Amino acid sequence: MPIIKLKKSIIPSCDVDSLEKLSKLVKSTCSVKGIGAYKIGFELVIPFGMERVIRTIRKYTKLPIIYDHQKAGTDIPEMGAKFMEACKLADAVILFPQAGPETEAAWIKSAQQSKMNVIIGGEMTHQAFLKEAGGFIDDNAPRRIYGIAASMGVTDFVIPGNKPEKALEYANIIKNKIKNPVFYSPGLIAQGGNISDLAKKLDSWHAIIGRAIYEAKDIKKAAEELAKNL
């Protein structure tokens, strides 16, 4: 079963610092056509706890909740099972397994054994990430990460929305390995990415958008306008 029922959608990234702001964000957007899920991260979960954050969202919607640990999958292999247990209230987790292939395989296996939906990311959206751009990460690492995940049956992947050429390169690599993959992209609007760049070229794709929605004067209207670009 797909994590999100829609083929294409907007996923509000709930990077706000209070449950009141979270409530406002979800209440304002959950009925908007084209909203597919909500993404939560450390800014809410560390101070308030996973249970309270999810309970707050569930007051307004049954849409899937994706937990992005920013960045999970960078510890030793044995921590994968503990991570999945800690995240069991979420509908899916995002992993960026930069700690190597053994950790990646172990954490994916832990997710599968826990029946947790897992979304794998390889390249991040900011500058100076890969070595070719002045970063620490080997230029070929994302391809290896995506390849390992696909070989293990993963169907959902994060690709950088503000690097459309690279995103499509990764998408093509993945599509050559598995049928009907699903893609998710951050890095849009505030980080320079354009929704239509990837929405027109990928069959199953979800735009992860933060500031352009939760900082808008009219949150619902902003979400509606963004959804028109899908």
Foldseek 3Di string as FASTA:
>chain_A
DDLWPDLEAAEEEPLDQDLVLVLVLLQLAVPAPRHTEYEYEDNCCVVPNPVVSVVSNVVHDPHFYEYPHPAPQQDDLVCLLVVCVRVVVGQAYEHANQNDDSSLVSNVVSCVVSVHQYEYEHDDADAQPEVVRVHDHDPCRSLVSLVSCLVVPHQHYEAEQQCLVRRVVSVVSSCVRDPDGAYEYECPDVNRGDPLSVVVPDRRYYYYDYCQQSVDPRNNVSSNVNSVSD
